[in-house]
N, C-alpha and C. Protein backbone atom coordinates (compact mmCIF):
# COMPACT_ATOMS: atom_id res chain seq x y z
N MET A 1 -185.10 -203.69 -11.18
CA MET A 1 -185.77 -202.90 -10.15
C MET A 1 -186.69 -203.83 -9.35
N SER A 2 -186.56 -203.80 -8.03
CA SER A 2 -187.37 -204.66 -7.18
C SER A 2 -188.81 -204.15 -7.11
N HIS A 3 -189.69 -205.01 -6.57
CA HIS A 3 -191.11 -204.66 -6.45
C HIS A 3 -191.29 -203.43 -5.56
N ASP A 4 -190.53 -203.36 -4.44
CA ASP A 4 -190.64 -202.21 -3.53
C ASP A 4 -190.18 -200.92 -4.20
N GLU A 5 -189.11 -201.01 -5.02
CA GLU A 5 -188.64 -199.83 -5.72
C GLU A 5 -189.67 -199.34 -6.73
N LYS A 6 -190.36 -200.29 -7.40
CA LYS A 6 -191.41 -199.92 -8.35
C LYS A 6 -192.54 -199.21 -7.64
N LYS A 7 -192.94 -199.73 -6.47
CA LYS A 7 -194.02 -199.09 -5.71
C LYS A 7 -193.62 -197.68 -5.31
N HIS A 8 -192.39 -197.52 -4.84
CA HIS A 8 -191.90 -196.21 -4.43
C HIS A 8 -191.82 -195.28 -5.64
N ASP A 9 -191.33 -195.79 -6.77
CA ASP A 9 -191.21 -195.01 -7.98
C ASP A 9 -192.59 -194.55 -8.47
N ASP A 10 -193.61 -195.41 -8.34
CA ASP A 10 -194.97 -195.07 -8.77
C ASP A 10 -195.53 -193.91 -7.96
N LYS A 11 -195.19 -193.84 -6.69
CA LYS A 11 -195.68 -192.76 -5.84
C LYS A 11 -195.00 -191.44 -6.18
N LYS A 12 -193.76 -191.49 -6.63
CA LYS A 12 -193.01 -190.29 -6.94
C LYS A 12 -193.42 -189.67 -8.27
N HIS A 13 -193.66 -190.48 -9.27
CA HIS A 13 -193.93 -190.00 -10.62
C HIS A 13 -195.37 -190.27 -11.01
N VAL A 14 -196.09 -189.23 -11.32
CA VAL A 14 -197.46 -189.37 -11.79
C VAL A 14 -197.41 -189.44 -13.31
N THR A 15 -198.00 -190.49 -13.86
CA THR A 15 -198.03 -190.65 -15.31
C THR A 15 -199.47 -190.68 -15.79
N ALA A 16 -199.65 -190.67 -17.10
CA ALA A 16 -201.00 -190.70 -17.66
C ALA A 16 -201.76 -191.92 -17.18
N MET A 17 -201.11 -193.07 -17.13
CA MET A 17 -201.80 -194.28 -16.72
C MET A 17 -202.16 -194.26 -15.24
N SER A 18 -201.43 -193.50 -14.43
CA SER A 18 -201.73 -193.48 -13.00
C SER A 18 -202.97 -192.64 -12.69
N VAL A 19 -203.43 -191.83 -13.62
CA VAL A 19 -204.67 -191.08 -13.40
C VAL A 19 -205.81 -191.62 -14.27
N LYS A 20 -205.67 -192.84 -14.75
CA LYS A 20 -206.73 -193.49 -15.52
C LYS A 20 -207.94 -193.68 -14.60
N MET A 21 -209.10 -193.37 -15.10
CA MET A 21 -210.33 -193.47 -14.33
C MET A 21 -211.18 -194.62 -14.84
N ASP A 22 -211.78 -195.34 -13.92
CA ASP A 22 -212.73 -196.40 -14.26
C ASP A 22 -214.12 -195.83 -14.01
N VAL A 23 -214.96 -195.80 -15.05
CA VAL A 23 -216.26 -195.15 -14.96
C VAL A 23 -217.36 -196.15 -15.31
N VAL A 24 -218.39 -196.23 -14.49
CA VAL A 24 -219.59 -197.01 -14.79
C VAL A 24 -220.75 -196.03 -14.77
N ILE A 25 -221.46 -195.94 -15.91
CA ILE A 25 -222.55 -194.98 -16.03
C ILE A 25 -223.85 -195.73 -16.30
N THR A 26 -224.89 -195.36 -15.58
CA THR A 26 -226.21 -195.96 -15.75
C THR A 26 -227.16 -194.88 -16.25
N GLN A 27 -227.90 -195.23 -17.30
CA GLN A 27 -228.94 -194.32 -17.79
C GLN A 27 -230.28 -194.87 -17.36
N ASN A 28 -231.06 -194.06 -16.69
CA ASN A 28 -232.38 -194.48 -16.24
C ASN A 28 -233.41 -194.22 -17.34
N SER A 29 -234.58 -194.81 -17.18
CA SER A 29 -235.62 -194.67 -18.19
C SER A 29 -236.05 -193.22 -18.40
N ASP A 30 -235.86 -192.37 -17.39
CA ASP A 30 -236.21 -190.96 -17.55
C ASP A 30 -235.07 -190.15 -18.18
N GLY A 31 -233.98 -190.82 -18.56
CA GLY A 31 -232.87 -190.16 -19.24
C GLY A 31 -231.78 -189.64 -18.33
N THR A 32 -231.98 -189.69 -17.01
CA THR A 32 -230.95 -189.22 -16.09
C THR A 32 -229.77 -190.20 -16.06
N LEU A 33 -228.60 -189.65 -15.81
CA LEU A 33 -227.38 -190.45 -15.74
C LEU A 33 -226.80 -190.40 -14.34
N ASN A 34 -226.33 -191.52 -13.87
CA ASN A 34 -225.60 -191.56 -12.61
C ASN A 34 -224.57 -192.68 -12.69
N GLY A 35 -223.72 -192.78 -11.72
CA GLY A 35 -222.73 -193.84 -11.78
C GLY A 35 -221.64 -193.70 -10.74
N ASN A 36 -220.53 -194.41 -11.02
CA ASN A 36 -219.38 -194.43 -10.13
C ASN A 36 -218.12 -194.12 -10.90
N LEU A 37 -217.23 -193.41 -10.24
CA LEU A 37 -215.93 -193.05 -10.79
C LEU A 37 -214.89 -193.57 -9.82
N ASN A 38 -213.87 -194.25 -10.34
CA ASN A 38 -212.86 -194.80 -9.45
C ASN A 38 -211.48 -194.65 -10.07
N CYS A 39 -210.50 -194.40 -9.24
CA CYS A 39 -209.10 -194.44 -9.64
C CYS A 39 -208.30 -194.86 -8.42
N LYS A 40 -207.02 -195.10 -8.61
CA LYS A 40 -206.23 -195.65 -7.51
C LYS A 40 -206.05 -194.68 -6.35
N TYR A 41 -206.38 -193.42 -6.52
CA TYR A 41 -206.22 -192.45 -5.44
C TYR A 41 -207.43 -192.38 -4.53
N PHE A 42 -208.54 -193.03 -4.87
CA PHE A 42 -209.74 -193.04 -4.04
C PHE A 42 -209.77 -194.32 -3.22
N GLU A 43 -210.20 -194.21 -1.97
CA GLU A 43 -210.36 -195.41 -1.15
C GLU A 43 -211.57 -196.21 -1.60
N GLU A 44 -212.59 -195.52 -2.06
CA GLU A 44 -213.78 -196.18 -2.58
C GLU A 44 -214.31 -195.34 -3.74
N PRO A 45 -215.14 -195.93 -4.60
CA PRO A 45 -215.61 -195.19 -5.78
C PRO A 45 -216.38 -193.92 -5.41
N PHE A 46 -216.23 -192.89 -6.24
CA PHE A 46 -216.97 -191.65 -6.11
C PHE A 46 -218.30 -191.82 -6.85
N THR A 47 -219.39 -191.61 -6.16
CA THR A 47 -220.72 -191.76 -6.75
C THR A 47 -221.21 -190.41 -7.24
N PHE A 48 -221.73 -190.39 -8.47
CA PHE A 48 -222.24 -189.13 -9.02
C PHE A 48 -223.64 -189.33 -9.58
N THR A 49 -224.43 -188.26 -9.57
CA THR A 49 -225.80 -188.31 -10.10
C THR A 49 -225.96 -187.44 -11.35
N ARG A 50 -224.89 -186.79 -11.76
CA ARG A 50 -224.89 -186.04 -13.01
C ARG A 50 -223.47 -186.04 -13.54
N LEU A 51 -223.35 -185.95 -14.85
CA LEU A 51 -222.03 -186.01 -15.46
C LEU A 51 -221.13 -184.86 -15.00
N MET A 52 -221.73 -183.71 -14.72
CA MET A 52 -220.92 -182.57 -14.29
C MET A 52 -220.21 -182.86 -12.97
N SER A 53 -220.85 -183.61 -12.07
CA SER A 53 -220.19 -184.00 -10.81
C SER A 53 -218.97 -184.87 -11.10
N MET A 54 -219.11 -185.76 -12.07
CA MET A 54 -217.99 -186.62 -12.47
C MET A 54 -216.84 -185.77 -13.01
N VAL A 55 -217.17 -184.82 -13.88
CA VAL A 55 -216.15 -183.95 -14.48
C VAL A 55 -215.46 -183.13 -13.40
N GLU A 56 -216.22 -182.58 -12.46
CA GLU A 56 -215.64 -181.78 -11.39
C GLU A 56 -214.68 -182.59 -10.52
N MET A 57 -215.05 -183.83 -10.19
CA MET A 57 -214.19 -184.67 -9.37
C MET A 57 -212.91 -185.04 -10.13
N MET A 58 -213.04 -185.31 -11.41
CA MET A 58 -211.86 -185.62 -12.21
C MET A 58 -210.93 -184.41 -12.29
N GLU A 59 -211.48 -183.23 -12.49
CA GLU A 59 -210.69 -182.00 -12.57
C GLU A 59 -209.95 -181.76 -11.26
N THR A 60 -210.63 -181.99 -10.14
CA THR A 60 -209.99 -181.84 -8.82
C THR A 60 -208.84 -182.82 -8.67
N THR A 61 -209.04 -184.05 -9.13
CA THR A 61 -207.99 -185.07 -9.07
C THR A 61 -206.78 -184.63 -9.90
N PHE A 62 -207.03 -184.17 -11.12
CA PHE A 62 -205.93 -183.72 -11.98
C PHE A 62 -205.18 -182.55 -11.36
N ASP A 63 -205.93 -181.58 -10.80
CA ASP A 63 -205.28 -180.42 -10.19
C ASP A 63 -204.43 -180.83 -8.98
N THR A 64 -204.94 -181.75 -8.19
CA THR A 64 -204.23 -182.20 -7.00
C THR A 64 -202.97 -182.96 -7.36
N LYS A 65 -203.06 -183.82 -8.34
CA LYS A 65 -201.91 -184.62 -8.76
C LYS A 65 -200.96 -183.83 -9.66
N GLY A 66 -201.45 -182.74 -10.23
CA GLY A 66 -200.63 -181.96 -11.13
C GLY A 66 -200.41 -182.63 -12.47
N PHE A 67 -201.28 -183.59 -12.79
CA PHE A 67 -201.17 -184.28 -14.08
C PHE A 67 -202.54 -184.74 -14.53
N PRO A 68 -202.92 -184.60 -15.76
CA PRO A 68 -202.19 -183.81 -16.74
C PRO A 68 -202.20 -182.34 -16.34
N GLU A 69 -201.06 -181.72 -16.52
CA GLU A 69 -200.88 -180.31 -16.16
C GLU A 69 -201.73 -179.43 -17.08
N LYS A 70 -202.30 -178.38 -16.52
CA LYS A 70 -203.03 -177.42 -17.34
C LYS A 70 -202.04 -176.74 -18.29
N HIS A 71 -202.41 -176.67 -19.54
CA HIS A 71 -201.53 -176.07 -20.54
C HIS A 71 -201.42 -174.56 -20.35
N LEU A 72 -202.53 -173.93 -20.10
CA LEU A 72 -202.54 -172.48 -19.88
C LEU A 72 -202.94 -172.20 -18.45
N LEU A 73 -202.01 -171.72 -17.68
CA LEU A 73 -202.30 -171.37 -16.30
C LEU A 73 -202.51 -169.86 -16.21
N PRO A 74 -203.41 -169.42 -15.34
CA PRO A 74 -203.63 -167.97 -15.20
C PRO A 74 -202.34 -167.27 -14.77
N ARG A 75 -202.09 -166.15 -15.36
CA ARG A 75 -200.90 -165.38 -15.03
C ARG A 75 -201.27 -164.20 -14.17
N SER A 76 -200.37 -163.85 -13.30
CA SER A 76 -200.62 -162.73 -12.41
C SER A 76 -199.29 -162.03 -12.13
N PHE A 77 -199.36 -160.74 -11.94
CA PHE A 77 -198.16 -160.00 -11.59
C PHE A 77 -198.11 -159.73 -10.09
N ASN A 78 -199.12 -160.21 -9.39
CA ASN A 78 -199.13 -160.13 -7.94
C ASN A 78 -198.49 -161.39 -7.39
N LYS A 79 -198.61 -161.58 -6.10
CA LYS A 79 -198.08 -162.80 -5.50
C LYS A 79 -198.75 -164.01 -6.13
N PRO A 80 -197.99 -165.02 -6.53
CA PRO A 80 -198.61 -166.21 -7.11
C PRO A 80 -199.40 -166.97 -6.05
N LYS A 81 -200.52 -167.53 -6.49
CA LYS A 81 -201.32 -168.34 -5.58
C LYS A 81 -200.59 -169.64 -5.31
N LYS A 82 -200.73 -170.10 -4.09
CA LYS A 82 -200.07 -171.33 -3.70
C LYS A 82 -200.77 -172.52 -4.36
N ARG A 83 -200.00 -173.40 -4.96
CA ARG A 83 -200.54 -174.59 -5.61
C ARG A 83 -200.93 -175.62 -4.55
N LEU A 84 -202.05 -176.29 -4.78
CA LEU A 84 -202.49 -177.31 -3.85
C LEU A 84 -201.49 -178.45 -3.79
N ARG A 85 -201.22 -178.93 -2.62
CA ARG A 85 -200.35 -180.08 -2.43
C ARG A 85 -201.20 -181.25 -1.94
N LYS A 86 -200.67 -182.45 -2.11
CA LYS A 86 -201.42 -183.64 -1.76
C LYS A 86 -201.90 -183.61 -0.32
N HIS A 87 -201.03 -183.17 0.61
CA HIS A 87 -201.41 -183.16 2.02
C HIS A 87 -202.48 -182.11 2.33
N GLU A 88 -202.65 -181.13 1.45
CA GLU A 88 -203.64 -180.08 1.68
C GLU A 88 -205.03 -180.46 1.19
N LEU A 89 -205.10 -181.39 0.25
CA LEU A 89 -206.38 -181.83 -0.28
C LEU A 89 -206.35 -183.34 -0.41
N ASP A 90 -206.99 -184.01 0.51
CA ASP A 90 -206.96 -185.45 0.56
C ASP A 90 -208.06 -186.01 -0.36
N LEU A 91 -207.66 -186.57 -1.51
CA LEU A 91 -208.64 -187.05 -2.49
C LEU A 91 -209.58 -188.12 -1.96
N PRO A 92 -209.09 -189.15 -1.26
CA PRO A 92 -210.03 -190.16 -0.77
C PRO A 92 -211.11 -189.56 0.13
N THR A 93 -210.71 -188.64 1.01
CA THR A 93 -211.68 -188.00 1.91
C THR A 93 -212.64 -187.13 1.11
N LEU A 94 -212.12 -186.37 0.15
CA LEU A 94 -212.96 -185.51 -0.68
C LEU A 94 -213.98 -186.34 -1.46
N ALA A 95 -213.55 -187.45 -2.03
CA ALA A 95 -214.47 -188.32 -2.79
C ALA A 95 -215.57 -188.86 -1.87
N LYS A 96 -215.19 -189.26 -0.65
CA LYS A 96 -216.19 -189.76 0.31
C LYS A 96 -217.18 -188.67 0.66
N GLU A 97 -216.68 -187.47 0.95
CA GLU A 97 -217.55 -186.36 1.34
C GLU A 97 -218.53 -186.01 0.23
N ARG A 98 -218.02 -185.92 -1.00
CA ARG A 98 -218.90 -185.55 -2.11
C ARG A 98 -219.91 -186.65 -2.40
N SER A 99 -219.50 -187.91 -2.25
CA SER A 99 -220.45 -189.01 -2.45
C SER A 99 -221.52 -188.99 -1.37
N ALA A 100 -221.14 -188.63 -0.14
CA ALA A 100 -222.09 -188.58 0.96
C ALA A 100 -223.11 -187.46 0.78
N GLU A 101 -222.75 -186.43 0.02
CA GLU A 101 -223.67 -185.31 -0.21
C GLU A 101 -224.85 -185.71 -1.09
N ILE A 102 -224.69 -186.79 -1.81
CA ILE A 102 -225.75 -187.22 -2.73
C ILE A 102 -226.88 -187.85 -1.93
N ASP A 103 -228.07 -187.43 -2.24
CA ASP A 103 -229.26 -187.96 -1.59
C ASP A 103 -229.42 -189.43 -1.95
N ASP A 104 -229.45 -190.31 -0.93
CA ASP A 104 -229.59 -191.74 -1.19
C ASP A 104 -230.87 -192.06 -1.96
N ALA A 105 -231.91 -191.28 -1.77
CA ALA A 105 -233.17 -191.53 -2.48
C ALA A 105 -232.99 -191.35 -3.98
N SER A 106 -232.10 -190.46 -4.37
CA SER A 106 -231.89 -190.23 -5.81
C SER A 106 -231.19 -191.42 -6.45
N LEU A 107 -230.51 -192.24 -5.64
CA LEU A 107 -229.83 -193.42 -6.17
C LEU A 107 -230.67 -194.69 -6.04
N ALA A 108 -231.78 -194.59 -5.34
CA ALA A 108 -232.64 -195.76 -5.17
C ALA A 108 -233.43 -195.98 -6.46
N VAL A 109 -232.84 -196.71 -7.37
CA VAL A 109 -233.42 -196.94 -8.68
C VAL A 109 -233.74 -198.42 -8.81
N THR A 110 -234.96 -198.73 -9.20
CA THR A 110 -235.31 -200.13 -9.39
C THR A 110 -234.76 -200.62 -10.72
N GLU A 111 -234.66 -201.93 -10.87
CA GLU A 111 -234.12 -202.48 -12.12
C GLU A 111 -235.00 -202.13 -13.31
N ASN A 112 -236.29 -201.93 -13.11
CA ASN A 112 -237.19 -201.55 -14.21
C ASN A 112 -236.88 -200.15 -14.72
N GLN A 113 -236.31 -199.30 -13.86
CA GLN A 113 -236.01 -197.93 -14.25
C GLN A 113 -234.70 -197.81 -15.01
N ILE A 114 -233.81 -198.80 -14.88
CA ILE A 114 -232.51 -198.74 -15.54
C ILE A 114 -232.67 -199.09 -17.00
N LYS A 115 -232.27 -198.16 -17.84
CA LYS A 115 -232.37 -198.36 -19.28
C LYS A 115 -231.11 -199.04 -19.82
N LYS A 116 -229.93 -198.56 -19.40
CA LYS A 116 -228.69 -199.12 -19.89
C LYS A 116 -227.54 -198.75 -18.96
N THR A 117 -226.56 -199.65 -18.85
CA THR A 117 -225.35 -199.41 -18.08
C THR A 117 -224.14 -199.66 -18.98
N CYS A 118 -223.18 -198.75 -18.95
CA CYS A 118 -221.94 -198.89 -19.72
C CYS A 118 -220.75 -198.66 -18.80
N SER A 119 -219.66 -199.38 -19.09
CA SER A 119 -218.41 -199.23 -18.34
C SER A 119 -217.32 -198.71 -19.27
N PHE A 120 -216.52 -197.80 -18.75
CA PHE A 120 -215.47 -197.17 -19.55
C PHE A 120 -214.17 -197.08 -18.77
N ASP A 121 -213.06 -197.10 -19.48
CA ASP A 121 -211.77 -196.67 -18.95
C ASP A 121 -211.51 -195.32 -19.59
N LEU A 122 -211.31 -194.32 -18.78
CA LEU A 122 -211.16 -192.95 -19.26
C LEU A 122 -209.75 -192.47 -18.96
N LEU A 123 -209.05 -192.03 -19.99
CA LEU A 123 -207.68 -191.58 -19.84
C LEU A 123 -207.53 -190.19 -20.44
N VAL A 124 -207.33 -189.20 -19.58
CA VAL A 124 -207.12 -187.82 -20.02
C VAL A 124 -205.62 -187.61 -20.07
N ARG A 125 -205.10 -187.33 -21.25
CA ARG A 125 -203.65 -187.18 -21.43
C ARG A 125 -203.19 -185.73 -21.37
N PHE A 126 -204.05 -184.81 -21.82
CA PHE A 126 -203.68 -183.39 -21.86
C PHE A 126 -204.86 -182.53 -21.45
N ARG A 127 -204.55 -181.32 -20.98
CA ARG A 127 -205.57 -180.31 -20.71
C ARG A 127 -205.13 -179.02 -21.38
N HIS A 128 -205.37 -178.95 -22.68
CA HIS A 128 -205.01 -177.77 -23.47
C HIS A 128 -206.25 -176.92 -23.72
N ASN A 129 -206.07 -175.62 -23.75
CA ASN A 129 -207.15 -174.68 -24.07
C ASN A 129 -208.40 -174.89 -23.21
N ALA A 130 -208.18 -175.14 -21.93
CA ALA A 130 -209.27 -175.36 -20.97
C ALA A 130 -210.16 -176.53 -21.35
N GLU A 131 -209.63 -177.48 -22.06
CA GLU A 131 -210.35 -178.69 -22.48
C GLU A 131 -209.52 -179.92 -22.15
N TRP A 132 -210.15 -181.07 -22.22
CA TRP A 132 -209.46 -182.34 -22.01
C TRP A 132 -209.25 -183.02 -23.35
N GLN A 133 -208.10 -183.66 -23.50
CA GLN A 133 -207.84 -184.49 -24.66
C GLN A 133 -207.38 -185.85 -24.14
N GLY A 134 -207.92 -186.91 -24.75
CA GLY A 134 -207.55 -188.24 -24.29
C GLY A 134 -208.30 -189.31 -25.05
N SER A 135 -208.49 -190.44 -24.38
CA SER A 135 -209.20 -191.55 -25.01
C SER A 135 -210.14 -192.20 -24.00
N ILE A 136 -211.18 -192.81 -24.54
CA ILE A 136 -212.16 -193.52 -23.72
C ILE A 136 -212.35 -194.91 -24.32
N PHE A 137 -212.23 -195.92 -23.47
CA PHE A 137 -212.39 -197.30 -23.90
C PHE A 137 -213.73 -197.82 -23.36
N TRP A 138 -214.63 -198.18 -24.26
CA TRP A 138 -215.94 -198.72 -23.88
C TRP A 138 -215.75 -200.22 -23.73
N LYS A 139 -215.83 -200.71 -22.50
CA LYS A 139 -215.50 -202.10 -22.19
C LYS A 139 -216.44 -203.11 -22.86
N GLU A 140 -217.74 -202.85 -22.83
CA GLU A 140 -218.69 -203.82 -23.38
C GLU A 140 -218.54 -203.99 -24.89
N ALA A 141 -218.19 -202.94 -25.60
CA ALA A 141 -218.07 -202.99 -27.06
C ALA A 141 -216.61 -203.21 -27.50
N ASP A 142 -215.69 -203.22 -26.55
CA ASP A 142 -214.26 -203.37 -26.85
C ASP A 142 -213.85 -202.34 -27.90
N ASN A 143 -214.19 -201.07 -27.63
CA ASN A 143 -213.99 -200.00 -28.61
C ASN A 143 -213.35 -198.79 -27.93
N THR A 144 -212.31 -198.24 -28.57
CA THR A 144 -211.64 -197.05 -28.05
C THR A 144 -211.87 -195.88 -28.99
N LYS A 145 -212.19 -194.72 -28.42
CA LYS A 145 -212.33 -193.50 -29.20
C LYS A 145 -211.52 -192.40 -28.53
N ARG A 146 -211.03 -191.49 -29.35
CA ARG A 146 -210.30 -190.33 -28.86
C ARG A 146 -211.26 -189.14 -28.78
N PHE A 147 -210.99 -188.25 -27.83
CA PHE A 147 -211.79 -187.03 -27.72
C PHE A 147 -210.85 -185.85 -27.53
N SER A 148 -211.32 -184.68 -27.96
CA SER A 148 -210.49 -183.49 -27.84
C SER A 148 -211.16 -182.39 -27.02
N SER A 149 -212.30 -182.71 -26.41
CA SER A 149 -212.97 -181.75 -25.53
C SER A 149 -213.92 -182.52 -24.60
N ILE A 150 -214.34 -181.86 -23.55
CA ILE A 150 -215.29 -182.48 -22.62
C ILE A 150 -216.63 -182.70 -23.32
N VAL A 151 -217.02 -181.78 -24.18
CA VAL A 151 -218.27 -181.92 -24.92
C VAL A 151 -218.22 -183.17 -25.81
N GLU A 152 -217.10 -183.38 -26.47
CA GLU A 152 -216.94 -184.56 -27.31
C GLU A 152 -216.96 -185.84 -26.47
N LEU A 153 -216.36 -185.79 -25.28
CA LEU A 153 -216.40 -186.93 -24.36
C LEU A 153 -217.83 -187.27 -23.98
N VAL A 154 -218.62 -186.26 -23.63
CA VAL A 154 -220.03 -186.47 -23.26
C VAL A 154 -220.81 -187.04 -24.45
N ARG A 155 -220.54 -186.55 -25.66
CA ARG A 155 -221.20 -187.07 -26.86
C ARG A 155 -220.88 -188.56 -27.06
N ILE A 156 -219.64 -188.96 -26.85
CA ILE A 156 -219.25 -190.37 -26.98
C ILE A 156 -219.97 -191.23 -25.95
N ILE A 157 -220.05 -190.74 -24.71
CA ILE A 157 -220.76 -191.48 -23.66
C ILE A 157 -222.24 -191.61 -24.01
N ASN A 158 -222.86 -190.52 -24.48
CA ASN A 158 -224.27 -190.58 -24.87
C ASN A 158 -224.50 -191.53 -26.03
N GLU A 159 -223.60 -191.56 -27.01
CA GLU A 159 -223.71 -192.50 -28.12
C GLU A 159 -223.68 -193.94 -27.63
N ALA A 160 -222.78 -194.22 -26.69
CA ALA A 160 -222.67 -195.58 -26.15
C ALA A 160 -223.95 -195.97 -25.41
N LEU A 161 -224.52 -195.04 -24.68
CA LEU A 161 -225.74 -195.34 -23.93
C LEU A 161 -226.95 -195.47 -24.84
N SER A 162 -226.92 -194.87 -26.02
CA SER A 162 -228.07 -194.94 -26.92
C SER A 162 -228.05 -196.17 -27.83
N ARG A 163 -226.96 -196.91 -27.82
CA ARG A 163 -226.90 -198.12 -28.66
C ARG A 163 -227.54 -199.30 -28.00
């Protein structure tokens, strides 16, 4: 398979590795968390000031790409709702808009205020029972852990930041 065919094939098929997220999280001395989220579908990293913003952006990315597919989809006996298509929701633009909504003053943190920074590779493989299942690789510690819920993912991130 030629290089061009591989590139074309990558655009056609969304796999677990194609939705891998690169996350850098900073904990400030007051305990607040902020950071950047990046994947190949964003033109530039998505900046967040709370973990929930990160989770929401990831969920939007998964819904738009259709992977990992939600295990339980709402059922209806009325007309089915139209599924979002890539051309209807442009992820790079959405990431830029949401990052722009963040107050720049909230990100103006001096080095004395930064308590710890951690980098992760985050891979969500499944979305069963309205939860995420996958693995998180902590780059600085060269350590991988599996999680079976968003709460467990947050606990792993907090553990890494507290070490």
